[in-house]
Amino acid sequence: MTRRVRVVGIDDDTIMRDGLALLLTAHDVTATFPSVTEFLRAAPRADVVLVDLKLSGTGRVAELQGQAAVRAVAGAGYPVLVYTNERRRAVLVGCLAAGARGVVHKAEPLDALADAVSRVAEGHTVITQALTGLAELAGRRGRIPSLSPRQREVLAGRARGESFAAIAARLFITPKTTEEHMAKVTEKFAEYLRTHSPADLERHLGLDPAELSD
């Protein structure tokens, strides 16, 4: 018989919060929260915490979300299972690197979610079938190029059409330094940028404005 697991959910969708206990009947949903901040404040007991990645709610732009949300919950000592509609593999690999023990797509059957909860509670890492290729990418994430915080900021500016001079003025650095940061980004992702724009790269890497400080 499968052990019933104490599950806590973090999701800004009211229907998900209210309906999670009805959907996940194989386990005990003991609490749900609309934000990481409220979850950490309550500090509930949990064997597994289901974390959605988009937690902006009705305009809570300063709220932790994405990889920052995963990092905060995992850093508090909770096993994190990401439960999301996100499919960008670079984003999801980043969540695993931030401490998540598994990823389940919301399009998966509920049995897959229940099984993933059980496996994460047992200490396993779980990636479900809907996210084909993620396990391979996660396995070689050490070889995936990463960007420094400043490189992310410059990429974000270029993705929004800012000139190097404008970015430099905003970041209090010289235009030459700004160009050098972008040159490093281009060097790391040269193949991708041959056929895609900086905005495409930003989306591909999951560098939403709320996550630029991750």
C-alpha atoms as a PDB file:
ATOM      1  CA  MET A   1       0.000   0.000   0.000  1.00  0.00           C
ATOM      2  CA  THR A   2       1.367   3.433  -0.977  1.00  0.00           C
ATOM      3  CA  ARG A   3       2.168   5.631   2.000  1.00  0.00           C
ATOM      4  CA  ARG A   4       0.003   8.714   2.217  1.00  0.00           C
ATOM      5  CA  VAL A   5       2.143  11.823   1.956  1.00  0.00           C
ATOM      6  CA  ARG A   6       1.532  15.212   3.563  1.00  0.00           C
ATOM      7  CA  VAL A   7       1.391  17.653   0.656  1.00  0.00           C
ATOM      8  CA  VAL A   8       1.362  21.446   0.729  1.00  0.00           C
ATOM      9  CA  GLY A   9       0.658  23.449  -2.419  1.00  0.00           C
ATOM     10  CA  ILE A  10       1.864  26.892  -3.504  1.00  0.00           C
ATOM     11  CA  ASP A  11      -0.154  28.212  -6.444  1.00  0.00           C
ATOM     12  CA  ASP A  12      -1.647  31.636  -7.171  1.00  0.00           C
ATOM     13  CA  ASP A  13      -4.631  30.039  -8.956  1.00  0.00           C
ATOM     14  CA  THR A  14      -7.617  29.904  -6.579  1.00  0.00           C
ATOM     15  CA  ILE A  15      -9.128  26.901  -8.345  1.00  0.00           C
ATOM     16  CA  MET A  16      -5.869  24.961  -7.995  1.00  0.00           C
ATOM     17  CA  ARG A  17      -5.588  25.798  -4.310  1.00  0.00           C
ATOM     18  CA  ASP A  18      -9.187  24.932  -3.513  1.00  0.00           C
ATOM     19  CA  GLY A  19      -9.263  21.868  -5.743  1.00  0.00           C
ATOM     20  CA  LEU A  20      -5.908  20.269  -4.993  1.00  0.00           C
ATOM     21  CA  ALA A  21      -7.235  18.093  -2.164  1.00  0.00           C
ATOM     22  CA  LEU A  22     -10.001  16.818  -4.461  1.00  0.00           C
ATOM     23  CA  LEU A  23      -7.551  16.063  -7.254  1.00  0.00           C
ATOM     24  CA  LEU A  24      -4.806  14.476  -5.200  1.00  0.00           C
ATOM     25  CA  THR A  25      -6.890  11.962  -3.275  1.00  0.00           C
ATOM     26  CA  ALA A  26      -4.061   9.436  -2.904  1.00  0.00           C
ATOM     27  CA  HIS A  27      -2.323  11.788  -0.452  1.00  0.00           C
ATOM     28  CA  ASP A  28      -3.189  14.295   2.266  1.00  0.00           C
ATOM     29  CA  VAL A  29      -3.206  17.918   1.112  1.00  0.00           C
ATOM     30  CA  THR A  30      -2.840  19.686   4.446  1.00  0.00           C
ATOM     31  CA  ALA A  31      -2.561  23.324   3.294  1.00  0.00           C
ATOM     32  CA  THR A  32      -2.235  25.565   0.255  1.00  0.00           C
ATOM     33  CA  PHE A  33      -0.787  29.062  -0.143  1.00  0.00           C
ATOM     34  CA  PRO A  34      -0.925  31.716  -2.882  1.00  0.00           C
ATOM     35  CA  SER A  35       2.678  32.800  -2.369  1.00  0.00           C
ATOM     36  CA  VAL A  36       6.054  31.597  -1.140  1.00  0.00           C
ATOM     37  CA  THR A  37       6.117  34.422   1.382  1.00  0.00           C
ATOM     38  CA  GLU A  38       2.923  33.230   3.057  1.00  0.00           C
ATOM     39  CA  PHE A  39       4.100  29.632   2.941  1.00  0.00           C
ATOM     40  CA  LEU A  40       7.420  30.439   4.621  1.00  0.00           C
ATOM     41  CA  ARG A  41       5.675  32.575   7.220  1.00  0.00           C
ATOM     42  CA  ALA A  42       3.356  29.691   8.155  1.00  0.00           C
ATOM     43  CA  ALA A  43       6.166  27.077   8.003  1.00  0.00           C
ATOM     44  CA  PRO A  44       3.752  24.109   7.774  1.00  0.00           C
ATOM     45  CA  ARG A  45       4.811  20.495   8.169  1.00  0.00           C
ATOM     46  CA  ALA A  46       5.047  18.812   4.760  1.00  0.00           C
ATOM     47  CA  ASP A  47       6.605  15.759   3.140  1.00  0.00           C
ATOM     48  CA  VAL A  48       6.384  17.356  -0.322  1.00  0.00           C
ATOM     49  CA  VAL A  49       5.662  20.921  -1.445  1.00  0.00           C
ATOM     50  CA  LEU A  50       4.067  21.398  -4.867  1.00  0.00           C
ATOM     51  CA  VAL A  51       5.303  24.690  -6.331  1.00  0.00           C
ATOM     52  CA  ASP A  52       3.910  26.429  -9.391  1.00  0.00           C
ATOM     53  CA  LEU A  53       6.406  28.661 -11.209  1.00  0.00           C
ATOM     54  CA  LYS A  54       4.146  31.600 -12.085  1.00  0.00           C
ATOM     55  CA  LEU A  55       3.157  33.198  -8.787  1.00  0.00           C
ATOM     56  CA  SER A  56       2.511  36.810  -9.758  1.00  0.00           C
ATOM     57  CA  GLY A  57      -1.202  36.511  -8.892  1.00  0.00           C
ATOM     58  CA  THR A  58      -3.155  39.709  -9.415  1.00  0.00           C
ATOM     59  CA  GLY A  59      -0.146  41.934  -9.916  1.00  0.00           C
ATOM     60  CA  ARG A  60       2.133  40.776  -7.075  1.00  0.00           C
ATOM     61  CA  VAL A  61       5.159  41.540  -9.235  1.00  0.00           C
ATOM     62  CA  ALA A  62       7.597  41.503  -6.309  1.00  0.00           C
ATOM     63  CA  GLU A  63       6.576  38.008  -5.203  1.00  0.00           C
ATOM     64  CA  LEU A  64       9.102  35.194  -5.489  1.00  0.00           C
ATOM     65  CA  GLN A  65       8.451  32.971  -8.469  1.00  0.00           C
ATOM     66  CA  GLY A  66      10.229  30.669 -10.878  1.00  0.00           C
ATOM     67  CA  GLN A  67      13.664  29.472  -9.838  1.00  0.00           C
ATOM     68  CA  ALA A  68      13.761  31.970  -6.964  1.00  0.00           C
ATOM     69  CA  ALA A  69      10.607  30.393  -5.497  1.00  0.00           C
ATOM     70  CA  VAL A  70      12.062  26.902  -5.808  1.00  0.00           C
ATOM     71  CA  ARG A  71      15.326  28.008  -4.214  1.00  0.00           C
ATOM     72  CA  ALA A  72      13.552  29.640  -1.264  1.00  0.00           C
ATOM     73  CA  VAL A  73      11.327  26.645  -0.498  1.00  0.00           C
ATOM     74  CA  ALA A  74      14.107  24.079  -0.960  1.00  0.00           C
ATOM     75  CA  GLY A  75      16.438  26.260   1.076  1.00  0.00           C
ATOM     76  CA  ALA A  76      13.953  26.098   3.961  1.00  0.00           C
ATOM     77  CA  GLY A  77      14.419  22.332   3.997  1.00  0.00           C
ATOM     78  CA  TYR A  78      11.333  21.184   2.065  1.00  0.00           C
ATOM     79  CA  PRO A  79      11.326  18.614  -0.776  1.00  0.00           C
ATOM     80  CA  VAL A  80      10.057  20.572  -3.801  1.00  0.00           C
ATOM     81  CA  LEU A  81       8.043  19.121  -6.673  1.00  0.00           C
ATOM     82  CA  VAL A  82       7.470  21.662  -9.444  1.00  0.00           C
ATOM     83  CA  TYR A  83       3.911  21.429 -10.828  1.00  0.00           C
ATOM     84  CA  THR A  84       3.642  23.719 -13.830  1.00  0.00           C
ATOM     85  CA  ASN A  85       2.490  24.457 -17.378  1.00  0.00           C
ATOM     86  CA  GLU A  86       6.038  25.573 -18.241  1.00  0.00           C
ATOM     87  CA  ARG A  87       7.726  23.566 -21.028  1.00  0.00           C
ATOM     88  CA  ARG A  88      10.930  25.520 -21.670  1.00  0.00           C
ATOM     89  CA  ARG A  89      13.573  22.979 -20.815  1.00  0.00           C
ATOM     90  CA  ALA A  90      16.196  25.552 -19.850  1.00  0.00           C
ATOM     91  CA  VAL A  91      13.788  26.995 -17.279  1.00  0.00           C
ATOM     92  CA  LEU A  92      12.971  23.594 -15.813  1.00  0.00           C
ATOM     93  CA  VAL A  93      16.605  22.514 -15.665  1.00  0.00           C
ATOM     94  CA  GLY A  94      17.250  25.736 -13.761  1.00  0.00           C
ATOM     95  CA  CYS A  95      14.574  24.710 -11.252  1.00  0.00           C
ATOM     96  CA  LEU A  96      16.274  21.354 -10.739  1.00  0.00           C
ATOM     97  CA  ALA A  97      19.572  23.167 -10.237  1.00  0.00           C
ATOM     98  CA  ALA A  98      17.817  25.443  -7.721  1.00  0.00           C
ATOM     99  CA  GLY A  99      16.842  22.429  -5.590  1.00  0.00           C
ATOM    100  CA  ALA A 100      13.643  20.924  -7.012  1.00  0.00           C
ATOM    101  CA  ARG A 101      13.439  17.152  -6.694  1.00  0.00           C
ATOM    102  CA  GLY A 102      11.033  16.716  -9.543  1.00  0.00           C
ATOM    103  CA  VAL A 103       8.999  18.303 -12.313  1.00  0.00           C
ATOM    104  CA  VAL A 104       5.449  17.376 -13.326  1.00  0.00           C
ATOM    105  CA  HIS A 105       3.605  19.085 -16.147  1.00  0.00           C
ATOM    106  CA  LYS A 106      -0.012  20.049 -15.443  1.00  0.00           C
ATOM    107  CA  ALA A 107      -1.088  18.265 -18.637  1.00  0.00           C
ATOM    108  CA  GLU A 108      -0.075  14.928 -17.089  1.00  0.00           C
ATOM    109  CA  PRO A 109      -2.728  12.507 -15.783  1.00  0.00           C
ATOM    110  CA  LEU A 110      -3.412  12.864 -12.061  1.00  0.00           C
ATOM    111  CA  ASP A 111      -1.979   9.381 -11.470  1.00  0.00           C
ATOM    112  CA  ALA A 112       1.383  10.688 -12.690  1.00  0.00           C
ATOM    113  CA  LEU A 113       1.207  13.541 -10.173  1.00  0.00           C
ATOM    114  CA  ALA A 114       0.290  11.210  -7.310  1.00  0.00           C
ATOM    115  CA  ASP A 115       3.113   8.827  -8.233  1.00  0.00           C
ATOM    116  CA  ALA A 116       5.608  11.708  -8.481  1.00  0.00           C
ATOM    117  CA  VAL A 117       4.591  12.927  -5.017  1.00  0.00           C
ATOM    118  CA  SER A 118       5.208   9.439  -3.589  1.00  0.00           C
ATOM    119  CA  ARG A 119       8.582   9.129  -5.268  1.00  0.00           C
ATOM    120  CA  VAL A 120       9.802  12.574  -4.205  1.00  0.00           C
ATOM    121  CA  ALA A 121       8.711  11.805  -0.620  1.00  0.00           C
ATOM    122  CA  GLU A 122      10.870   8.669  -0.833  1.00  0.00           C
ATOM    123  CA  GLY A 123      13.880  10.732  -1.858  1.00  0.00           C
ATOM    124  CA  HIS A 124      13.855  10.142  -5.621  1.00  0.00           C
ATOM    125  CA  THR A 125      14.200  12.712  -8.411  1.00  0.00           C
ATOM    126  CA  VAL A 126      11.214  12.573 -10.766  1.00  0.00           C
ATOM    127  CA  ILE A 127      10.742  13.918 -14.299  1.00  0.00           C
ATOM    128  CA  THR A 128       7.520  12.788 -15.979  1.00  0.00           C
ATOM    129  CA  GLN A 129       7.033  11.632 -19.558  1.00  0.00           C
ATOM    130  CA  ALA A 130       5.411  14.876 -20.761  1.00  0.00           C
ATOM    131  CA  LEU A 131       8.813  16.555 -20.459  1.00  0.00           C
ATOM    132  CA  THR A 132      10.731  14.351 -22.873  1.00  0.00           C
ATOM    133  CA  GLY A 133      14.416  15.215 -23.054  1.00  0.00           C
ATOM    134  CA  LEU A 134      14.528  17.120 -19.778  1.00  0.00           C
ATOM    135  CA  ALA A 135      16.321  14.315 -17.942  1.00  0.00           C
ATOM    136  CA  GLU A 136      19.093  14.268 -20.539  1.00  0.00           C
ATOM    137  CA  LEU A 137      19.462  18.034 -20.428  1.00  0.00           C
ATOM    138  CA  ALA A 138      19.456  18.012 -16.633  1.00  0.00           C
ATOM    139  CA  GLY A 139      22.144  15.356 -16.638  1.00  0.00           C
ATOM    140  CA  ARG A 140      24.505  17.626 -18.569  1.00  0.00           C
ATOM    141  CA  ARG A 141      23.432  20.952 -17.033  1.00  0.00           C
ATOM    142  CA  GLY A 142      26.990  21.552 -15.887  1.00  0.00           C
ATOM    143  CA  ARG A 143      27.897  22.049 -19.551  1.00  0.00           C
ATOM    144  CA  ILE A 144      25.053  24.486 -20.294  1.00  0.00           C
ATOM    145  CA  PRO A 145      26.398  28.056 -20.569  1.00  0.00           C
ATOM    146  CA  SER A 146      25.326  30.326 -17.747  1.00  0.00           C
ATOM    147  CA  LEU A 147      25.090  34.113 -17.587  1.00  0.00           C
ATOM    148  CA  SER A 148      26.357  36.404 -14.873  1.00  0.00           C
ATOM    149  CA  PRO A 149      23.832  38.795 -13.272  1.00  0.00           C
ATOM    150  CA  ARG A 150      25.284  41.716 -15.285  1.00  0.00           C
ATOM    151  CA  GLN A 151      25.115  39.747 -18.531  1.00  0.00           C
ATOM    152  CA  ARG A 152      21.469  39.006 -17.779  1.00  0.00           C
ATOM    153  CA  GLU A 153      20.753  42.689 -17.238  1.00  0.00           C
ATOM    154  CA  VAL A 154      22.405  43.675 -20.518  1.00  0.00           C
ATOM    155  CA  LEU A 155      20.575  40.880 -22.378  1.00  0.00           C
ATOM    156  CA  ALA A 156      17.278  42.081 -20.889  1.00  0.00           C
ATOM    157  CA  GLY A 157      17.951  45.607 -22.110  1.00  0.00           C
ATOM    158  CA  ARG A 158      18.850  44.470 -25.627  1.00  0.00           C
ATOM    159  CA  ALA A 159      15.791  42.196 -25.674  1.00  0.00           C
ATOM    160  CA  ARG A 160      13.661  45.290 -25.089  1.00  0.00           C
ATOM    161  CA  GLY A 161      15.373  47.321 -27.802  1.00  0.00           C
ATOM    162  CA  GLU A 162      17.538  49.523 -25.579  1.00  0.00           C
ATOM    163  CA  SER A 163      20.724  50.946 -27.058  1.00  0.00           C
ATOM    164  CA  PHE A 164      24.073  50.155 -25.455  1.00  0.00           C
ATOM    165  CA  ALA A 165      24.304  53.784 -24.349  1.00  0.00           C
ATOM    166  CA  ALA A 166      20.902  53.653 -22.647  1.00  0.00           C
ATOM    167  CA  ILE A 167      21.713  50.389 -20.889  1.00  0.00           C
ATOM    168  CA  ALA A 168      25.064  51.781 -19.759  1.00  0.00           C
ATOM    169  CA  ALA A 169      23.445  54.890 -18.294  1.00  0.00           C
ATOM    170  CA  ARG A 170      20.836  52.814 -16.440  1.00  0.00           C
ATOM    171  CA  LEU A 171      23.414  50.395 -15.008  1.00  0.00           C
ATOM    172  CA  PHE A 172      26.033  53.091 -14.285  1.00  0.00           C
ATOM    173  CA  ILE A 173      28.671  51.438 -16.468  1.00  0.00           C
ATOM    174  CA  THR A 174      30.356  52.550 -19.689  1.00  0.00           C
ATOM    175  CA  PRO A 175      28.908  51.757 -23.142  1.00  0.00           C
ATOM    176  CA  LYS A 176      32.117  49.830 -23.916  1.00  0.00           C
ATOM    177  CA  THR A 177      31.615  47.627 -20.846  1.00  0.00           C
ATOM    178  CA  THR A 178      27.994  47.086 -21.852  1.00  0.00           C
ATOM    179  CA  GLU A 179      29.076  45.944 -25.312  1.00  0.00           C
ATOM    180  CA  GLU A 180      31.633  43.607 -23.759  1.00  0.00           C
ATOM    181  CA  HIS A 181      28.963  41.989 -21.593  1.00  0.00           C
ATOM    182  CA  MET A 182      26.742  41.451 -24.643  1.00  0.00           C
ATOM    183  CA  ALA A 183      29.717  40.067 -26.569  1.00  0.00           C
ATOM    184  CA  LYS A 184      30.131  37.428 -23.860  1.00  0.00           C
ATOM    185  CA  VAL A 185      26.442  36.520 -24.152  1.00  0.00           C
ATOM    186  CA  THR A 186      26.797  36.226 -27.917  1.00  0.00           C
ATOM    187  CA  GLU A 187      29.909  34.094 -27.540  1.00  0.00           C
ATOM    188  CA  LYS A 188      28.179  31.682 -25.157  1.00  0.00           C
ATOM    189  CA  PHE A 189      25.056  31.334 -27.302  1.00  0.00           C
ATOM    190  CA  ALA A 190      26.496  32.005 -30.762  1.00  0.00           C
ATOM    191  CA  GLU A 191      24.705  29.139 -32.478  1.00  0.00           C
ATOM    192  CA  TYR A 192      21.307  30.082 -31.033  1.00  0.00           C
ATOM    193  CA  LEU A 193      21.726  33.792 -31.799  1.00  0.00           C
ATOM    194  CA  ARG A 194      22.517  33.115 -35.457  1.00  0.00           C
ATOM    195  CA  THR A 195      18.828  32.500 -36.042  1.00  0.00           C
ATOM    196  CA  HIS A 196      17.183  34.089 -32.982  1.00  0.00           C
ATOM    197  CA  SER A 197      16.983  37.525 -31.395  1.00  0.00           C
ATOM    198  CA  PRO A 198      18.113  38.539 -27.876  1.00  0.00           C
ATOM    199  CA  ALA A 199      14.422  38.547 -26.901  1.00  0.00           C
ATOM    200  CA  ASP A 200      14.124  34.943 -28.105  1.00  0.00           C
ATOM    201  CA  LEU A 201      17.183  33.986 -26.051  1.00  0.00           C
ATOM    202  CA  GLU A 202      15.790  35.677 -22.948  1.00  0.00           C
ATOM    203  CA  ARG A 203      12.536  33.716 -23.275  1.00  0.00           C
ATOM    204  CA  HIS A 204      14.405  30.488 -24.058  1.00  0.00           C
ATOM    205  CA  LEU A 205      16.444  30.810 -20.863  1.00  0.00           C
ATOM    206  CA  GLY A 206      13.400  31.749 -18.799  1.00  0.00           C
ATOM    207  CA  LEU A 207      14.859  35.088 -17.803  1.00  0.00           C
ATOM    208  CA  ASP A 208      11.589  36.875 -17.141  1.00  0.00           C
ATOM    209  CA  PRO A 209      11.940  40.366 -15.620  1.00  0.00           C
ATOM    210  CA  ALA A 210      10.848  38.996 -12.209  1.00  0.00           C
ATOM    211  CA  GLU A 211      13.658  36.442 -12.333  1.00  0.00           C
ATOM    212  CA  LEU A 212      16.583  38.569 -13.499  1.00  0.00           C
ATOM    213  CA  SER A 213      18.023  38.685  -9.989  1.00  0.00           C
ATOM    214  CA  ASP A 214      18.120  34.890  -9.557  1.00  0.00           C
END
